[in-house]
Protein backbone atom coordinates (compact mmCIF):
# COMPACT_ATOMS: atom_id res chain seq x y z
CA UNK A 1 0.00 0.00 0.00
CA UNK A 2 1.50 3.38 -0.97
CA UNK A 3 1.82 6.22 1.52
CA UNK A 4 -0.79 8.42 -0.14
CA UNK A 5 -3.41 5.68 -0.09
CA UNK A 6 -2.56 4.89 3.53
CA UNK A 7 -3.11 8.53 4.50
CA UNK A 8 -6.33 8.58 2.50
CA UNK A 9 -7.72 5.60 4.40
CA UNK A 10 -6.67 7.10 7.72
CA UNK A 11 -8.29 10.42 6.91
CA UNK A 12 -11.46 8.81 5.62
CA UNK A 13 -11.81 6.99 8.92
CA UNK A 14 -11.85 10.33 10.78
CA UNK A 15 -15.43 10.95 9.75
CA UNK A 16 -16.54 7.68 11.34
CA UNK A 17 -15.07 8.73 14.66
CA UNK A 18 -16.16 12.37 14.81
CA UNK A 19 -18.00 12.87 18.05
CA UNK A 20 -16.74 9.68 19.67
CA UNK A 21 -13.56 11.18 21.09
CA UNK A 22 -14.17 13.94 23.61
CA UNK A 23 -11.65 16.42 24.94
CA UNK A 24 -11.27 17.33 28.59
CA UNK A 25 -14.25 19.65 28.65
CA UNK A 26 -15.62 17.31 31.31
CA UNK A 27 -12.45 17.32 33.43
CA UNK A 28 -12.87 18.51 37.01
CA UNK A 29 -10.33 21.32 37.46
CA UNK A 30 -10.29 20.98 41.27
CA UNK A 31 -7.42 19.18 42.98
CA UNK A 32 -8.51 16.65 45.61
CA UNK A 33 -12.21 17.58 45.23
CA UNK A 34 -13.53 15.35 48.02
CA UNK A 35 -10.57 15.88 50.41
CA UNK A 36 -9.61 12.20 50.42
CA UNK A 37 -5.88 12.83 49.86
CA UNK A 38 -4.17 14.03 53.04
CA UNK A 39 -0.78 14.41 54.64
CA UNK A 40 -1.89 13.41 58.15
CA UNK A 41 -5.09 12.60 59.99
CA UNK A 42 -6.83 15.55 61.69
CA UNK A 43 -6.34 15.95 65.43
CA UNK A 44 -7.30 19.58 66.15
CA UNK A 45 -9.07 22.66 64.87
CA UNK A 46 -8.06 24.58 61.74
CA UNK A 47 -6.17 21.75 60.07
CA UNK A 48 -7.53 22.26 56.55
CA UNK A 49 -3.93 22.15 55.31
CA UNK A 50 -3.89 18.43 56.11
CA UNK A 51 -5.99 17.96 52.97
CA UNK A 52 -3.65 18.17 50.01
CA UNK A 53 -3.96 21.31 47.84
CA UNK A 54 -6.38 23.06 50.24
CA UNK A 55 -5.93 25.98 52.61
CA UNK A 56 -8.07 28.55 54.39
CA UNK A 57 -9.78 28.86 57.75
CA UNK A 58 -11.53 25.53 58.25
CA UNK A 59 -11.51 22.17 59.98
CA UNK A 60 -10.59 18.90 58.32
CA UNK A 61 -12.60 15.77 59.14
CA UNK A 62 -11.56 12.26 58.16
CA UNK A 63 -12.54 8.77 59.31
CA UNK A 64 -8.94 8.35 60.48
CA UNK A 65 -9.09 11.47 62.69
CA UNK A 66 -9.29 11.66 66.45
CA UNK A 67 -12.70 11.57 68.14
CA UNK A 68 -13.57 15.26 67.66
CA UNK A 69 -12.44 15.31 64.02
CA UNK A 70 -13.54 11.96 62.70
CA UNK A 71 -16.20 10.93 60.18
CA UNK A 72 -19.06 10.42 60.75
CA UNK A 73 -18.84 11.47 64.42
CA UNK A 74 -17.09 14.69 65.46
CA UNK A 75 -17.47 17.72 67.72
CA UNK A 76 -20.15 19.26 65.51
CA UNK A 77 -22.42 16.22 65.30
CA UNK A 78 -22.84 13.19 63.07
CA UNK A 79 -22.62 13.10 59.27
CA UNK A 80 -21.29 10.63 56.75
CA UNK A 81 -19.30 12.05 53.84
CA UNK A 82 -21.20 12.75 50.64
CA UNK A 83 -18.56 10.52 49.05
CA UNK A 84 -15.48 8.86 50.45
CA UNK A 85 -14.32 9.20 54.04
CA UNK A 86 -13.57 12.92 54.45
CA UNK A 87 -14.95 16.45 54.28
CA UNK A 88 -14.20 19.91 55.65
CA UNK A 89 -16.16 22.32 57.85
CA UNK A 90 -16.35 26.10 58.08
CA UNK A 91 -17.94 28.73 60.32
CA UNK A 92 -20.25 30.69 58.05
CA UNK A 93 -21.64 33.20 60.55
CA UNK A 94 -20.71 34.08 64.12
CA UNK A 95 -22.94 36.64 65.91
CA UNK A 96 -20.81 39.05 67.88
CA UNK A 97 -17.85 38.75 65.51
CA UNK A 98 -18.33 41.22 62.67
CA UNK A 99 -18.05 39.58 59.25
CA UNK A 100 -16.15 36.64 60.72
CA UNK A 101 -15.92 33.95 58.03
CA UNK A 102 -14.40 30.55 57.63
CA UNK A 103 -13.51 29.49 54.08
CA UNK A 104 -11.63 26.98 51.97
CA UNK A 105 -9.38 27.81 49.05
CA UNK A 106 -7.40 25.93 46.40
CA UNK A 107 -5.41 26.63 43.26
CA UNK A 108 -7.08 25.08 40.23
CA UNK A 109 -5.36 22.52 38.03
CA UNK A 110 -5.14 25.14 35.29
CA UNK A 111 -6.28 28.70 34.68
CA UNK A 112 -9.81 29.10 33.39
CA UNK A 113 -10.23 29.95 29.73
CA UNK A 114 -11.57 33.30 28.58
CA UNK A 115 -15.22 33.36 27.45
CA UNK A 116 -15.78 29.72 28.36
CA UNK A 117 -18.68 28.57 30.53
CA UNK A 118 -17.96 26.74 33.78
CA UNK A 119 -20.33 24.65 35.85
CA UNK A 120 -19.45 24.89 39.55
CA UNK A 121 -20.84 22.48 42.13
CA UNK A 122 -20.22 21.62 45.76
CA UNK A 123 -22.23 19.96 48.52
CA UNK A 124 -22.99 21.33 51.98
CA UNK A 125 -24.69 20.06 55.11
CA UNK A 126 -25.62 22.00 58.24
CA UNK A 127 -24.16 20.47 61.40
CA UNK A 128 -26.21 19.02 64.25
CA UNK A 129 -24.80 21.20 67.01
CA UNK A 130 -25.60 24.66 65.60
CA UNK A 131 -28.66 26.81 66.22
CA UNK A 132 -28.07 29.01 63.20
CA UNK A 133 -27.67 28.39 59.51
CA UNK A 134 -27.41 30.57 56.42
CA UNK A 135 -28.53 30.31 52.83
CA UNK A 136 -25.65 32.43 51.52
CA UNK A 137 -22.94 30.09 50.29
CA UNK A 138 -20.94 30.70 47.15
CA UNK A 139 -17.70 30.35 45.23
CA UNK A 140 -15.33 33.07 44.10
CA UNK A 141 -12.71 32.70 41.37
CA UNK A 142 -9.64 34.92 41.39
CA UNK A 143 -6.14 35.25 39.98
CA UNK A 144 -4.64 35.65 43.46
CA UNK A 145 -5.24 34.30 46.96
CA UNK A 146 -7.91 36.22 48.90
CA UNK A 147 -8.59 36.51 52.63
CA UNK A 148 -11.52 38.85 53.30
CA UNK A 149 -14.55 37.23 51.73
CA UNK A 150 -17.01 40.11 52.13
CA UNK A 151 -14.88 42.27 49.81
CA UNK A 152 -15.37 39.91 46.87
CA UNK A 153 -18.69 39.28 45.07
CA UNK A 154 -18.77 35.58 44.16
CA UNK A 155 -19.45 34.41 40.63
CA UNK A 156 -21.47 31.53 42.10
CA UNK A 157 -24.03 32.24 44.82
CA UNK A 158 -26.63 29.89 46.21
CA UNK A 159 -30.25 30.69 45.33
CA UNK A 160 -31.65 31.44 48.78
CA UNK A 161 -35.27 31.03 47.66
CA UNK A 162 -35.03 27.88 45.57
CA UNK A 163 -32.28 26.08 47.47
CA UNK A 164 -32.49 26.62 51.24
CA UNK A 165 -29.50 25.19 53.11
CA UNK A 166 -31.58 24.00 56.04
CA UNK A 167 -30.86 20.29 56.16
CA UNK A 168 -28.78 18.68 58.90
CA UNK A 169 -29.36 15.14 57.69
CA UNK A 170 -28.77 15.31 53.93
CA UNK A 171 -26.20 16.91 51.66
CA UNK A 172 -27.46 19.82 49.54
CA UNK A 173 -25.88 20.74 46.22
CA UNK A 174 -24.91 24.36 45.58
CA UNK A 175 -24.34 25.00 41.88
CA UNK A 176 -24.15 27.65 39.21
CA UNK A 177 -22.59 28.67 35.89
CA UNK A 178 -20.42 31.61 34.91
CA UNK A 179 -18.33 32.85 32.01
CA UNK A 180 -14.61 33.11 32.81
CA UNK A 181 -12.41 36.13 32.16
CA UNK A 182 -9.42 33.87 31.59
CA UNK A 183 -7.25 34.98 34.52
CA UNK A 184 -8.88 32.92 37.26
CA UNK A 185 -6.69 30.32 38.92
CA UNK A 186 -8.01 30.04 42.52
CA UNK A 187 -11.36 28.94 43.93
CA UNK A 188 -12.61 30.11 47.33
CA UNK A 189 -15.78 28.75 48.94
CA UNK A 190 -17.68 30.30 51.83
CA UNK A 191 -20.18 33.01 52.80
CA UNK A 192 -19.39 36.23 50.92
CA UNK A 193 -22.29 38.31 52.28
CA UNK A 194 -21.72 40.81 55.05
CA UNK A 195 -23.61 40.39 58.32
CA UNK A 196 -26.33 42.84 57.33
CA UNK A 197 -27.29 40.90 54.20
CA UNK A 198 -27.15 37.32 55.46
CA UNK A 199 -30.29 35.21 55.07
CA UNK A 200 -30.26 33.28 58.35
CA UNK A 201 -31.90 30.00 59.33
CA UNK A 202 -32.92 29.19 62.91
CA UNK A 203 -32.78 25.53 63.87
CA UNK A 204 -34.87 24.25 66.79
CA UNK A 205 -31.92 22.56 68.48
CA UNK A 206 -28.17 22.85 68.73
CA UNK A 207 -25.48 23.78 71.21
CA UNK A 208 -23.59 26.49 69.28
CA UNK A 209 -24.97 29.96 68.59
CA UNK A 210 -23.23 30.32 65.23
CA UNK A 211 -23.55 28.78 61.77
CA UNK A 212 -21.32 25.92 60.65
CA UNK A 213 -21.43 23.76 57.51
CA UNK A 214 -19.66 20.72 56.19
CA UNK A 215 -18.44 20.90 52.54
CA UNK A 216 -17.70 18.00 50.21
CA UNK A 217 -17.26 17.13 46.52
CA UNK A 218 -16.19 20.37 44.83
CA UNK A 219 -16.14 20.47 41.05
CA UNK A 220 -15.38 23.04 38.35
CA UNK A 221 -16.10 21.77 34.84
CA UNK A 222 -15.94 23.61 31.54
CA UNK A 223 -19.11 22.85 29.62
CA UNK A 224 -17.99 24.12 26.22
CA UNK A 225 -14.22 23.75 26.17
CA UNK A 226 -14.39 20.76 23.86
CA UNK A 227 -16.06 22.68 21.07
CA UNK A 228 -13.86 23.00 17.98
CA UNK A 229 -15.45 24.96 15.10
CA UNK A 230 -15.84 22.87 11.95
CA UNK A 231 -15.92 25.77 9.51
CA UNK A 232 -13.91 28.99 9.14
CA UNK A 233 -13.24 31.66 6.53
CA UNK A 234 -9.65 33.01 6.47
CA UNK A 235 -10.37 36.01 4.23
CA UNK A 236 -8.81 38.73 6.41
CA UNK A 237 -12.12 40.32 7.40
CA UNK A 238 -11.26 39.88 11.11
CA UNK A 239 -14.19 37.49 11.53
CA UNK A 240 -13.58 33.77 11.89
CA UNK A 241 -10.19 34.14 10.20
CA UNK A 242 -8.49 31.30 12.07
CA UNK A 243 -9.09 28.30 14.28
CA UNK A 244 -7.42 28.41 17.68
CA UNK A 245 -6.63 25.08 19.36
CA UNK A 246 -4.99 26.58 22.45
CA UNK A 247 -8.02 27.17 24.65
CA UNK A 248 -9.19 23.65 25.45
CA UNK A 249 -7.82 23.37 29.02
CA UNK A 250 -5.35 20.71 27.90
CA UNK A 251 -1.62 20.18 28.14
CA UNK A 252 0.92 18.95 25.60
CA UNK A 253 -1.48 19.28 22.70
CA UNK A 254 -0.32 18.76 19.11
CA UNK A 255 -2.59 19.28 16.11
CA UNK A 256 -1.92 17.89 12.65
CA UNK A 257 -4.16 19.06 9.79
CA UNK A 258 -4.26 17.16 6.49
CA UNK A 259 -5.67 17.99 3.07
CA UNK A 260 -7.67 15.43 1.12
CA UNK A 261 -4.51 13.94 -0.38
CA UNK A 262 -3.10 13.14 3.06
CA UNK A 263 -0.50 15.92 3.07
CA UNK A 264 0.12 17.83 6.31
CA UNK A 265 -0.74 21.50 5.80
CA UNK A 266 -0.47 22.60 9.44
CA UNK A 267 1.21 21.31 12.58
CA UNK A 268 0.84 23.14 15.86
CA UNK A 269 3.65 23.98 18.25
CA UNK A 270 4.03 25.70 21.60
CA UNK A 271 4.22 29.07 19.85
CA UNK A 272 1.80 28.41 16.99
CA UNK A 273 -1.65 27.15 17.98
CA UNK A 274 -3.76 28.99 15.38
CA UNK A 275 -4.36 27.79 11.85
CA UNK A 276 -4.97 30.67 9.46
CA UNK A 277 -5.69 28.58 6.38
CA UNK A 278 -2.12 28.56 5.05
CA UNK A 279 0.04 25.53 4.37
CA UNK A 280 3.51 24.86 5.78
CA UNK A 281 5.06 27.02 3.03
CA UNK A 282 2.81 29.99 3.80
CA UNK A 283 0.57 29.56 0.77
CA UNK A 284 -3.20 29.91 1.01
CA UNK A 285 -4.94 26.56 1.12
CA UNK A 286 -7.81 26.08 -1.29
CA UNK A 287 -11.42 25.84 -0.21
CA UNK A 288 -12.52 22.41 0.87
CA UNK A 289 -12.60 19.91 3.71
CA UNK A 290 -9.51 19.34 5.85
CA UNK A 291 -9.00 16.76 8.56
CA UNK A 292 -7.29 17.05 11.89
CA UNK A 293 -5.79 14.72 14.47
CA UNK A 294 -5.60 16.33 17.88
CA UNK A 295 -3.08 14.51 20.11
CA UNK A 296 -3.22 15.57 23.73
CA UNK A 297 -2.72 14.53 27.34
CA UNK A 298 -5.26 15.09 30.07
CA UNK A 299 -4.10 16.12 33.53
CA UNK A 300 -3.97 12.49 34.59
CA UNK A 301 -1.45 11.87 31.80
CA UNK A 302 -3.97 9.97 29.72
CA UNK A 303 -3.06 10.08 26.05
CA UNK A 304 -6.04 10.79 23.77
CA UNK A 305 -6.53 11.49 20.06
CA UNK A 306 -9.45 13.60 18.89
CA UNK A 307 -10.26 13.40 15.20
CA UNK A 308 -12.52 15.57 13.07
CA UNK A 309 -12.91 17.71 10.00
CA UNK A 310 -12.77 21.43 9.23
CA UNK A 311 -14.28 23.12 6.22
CA UNK A 312 -12.32 26.06 4.80
CA UNK A 313 -14.43 28.68 3.04
CA UNK A 314 -13.03 31.84 1.47
């Protein structure tokens, strides 16, 4: 079999596989999302740093912890993890301490991508031993570490009317979507409202006068990062003049684009991720259908090929 025919058969097979190979648009960008990975078992207050990749002002609870910091039983009550054997806990409101807030914070696996939509989810449960609760829980994304939560309006905020956080027995999901600016690299979770604007909940029983919540299973997932346009028009009108393969939240990506004869007309590199419709010699490619093989590694070092076609229109 000659080389040209071999390429032709390979390229023809791309069409059969379009849509079957997905990129990492469904990759959770949160390290250690359910707090299962730890350096040591919790033994005292404010040991959030025991959970790998996490910091803040919070307690760490794990089934291996001492009596007050174990799972499911601990100093705040009794609760099994939403998944696994661990979770964290934060003070969300303390009457008498102005704008006092516990929080958790982590650097994301990679920066968010500009103009992409992200689905953010985490689970919370009010603790048994608190008289107060709040409905104001959210997540804030930033390019630097933050400390004072009430100074930062969160991109994700719980809907206080549709999703009351008033359950001490079950885990409640807090979720929302937002469009990234492209500079965000940290996630912070907590209560971002000041004391005057908190929507409080009063429980009939509990030993503590403040609000405290467990948190588990944090996820940040791009819902449209795996979308590669299948048509573009490189006619220098500043509209849809190129296809950019750099913004898919992936690492070590290489793109090869072939014409219908199996010849490579574009190959990406670290400094060249946009195809402008020219071949390797800088000549304009003719109108027609071109085929790509997108070789990439996900964050777990899983090698994947994504195959598809692109139509060039001038």
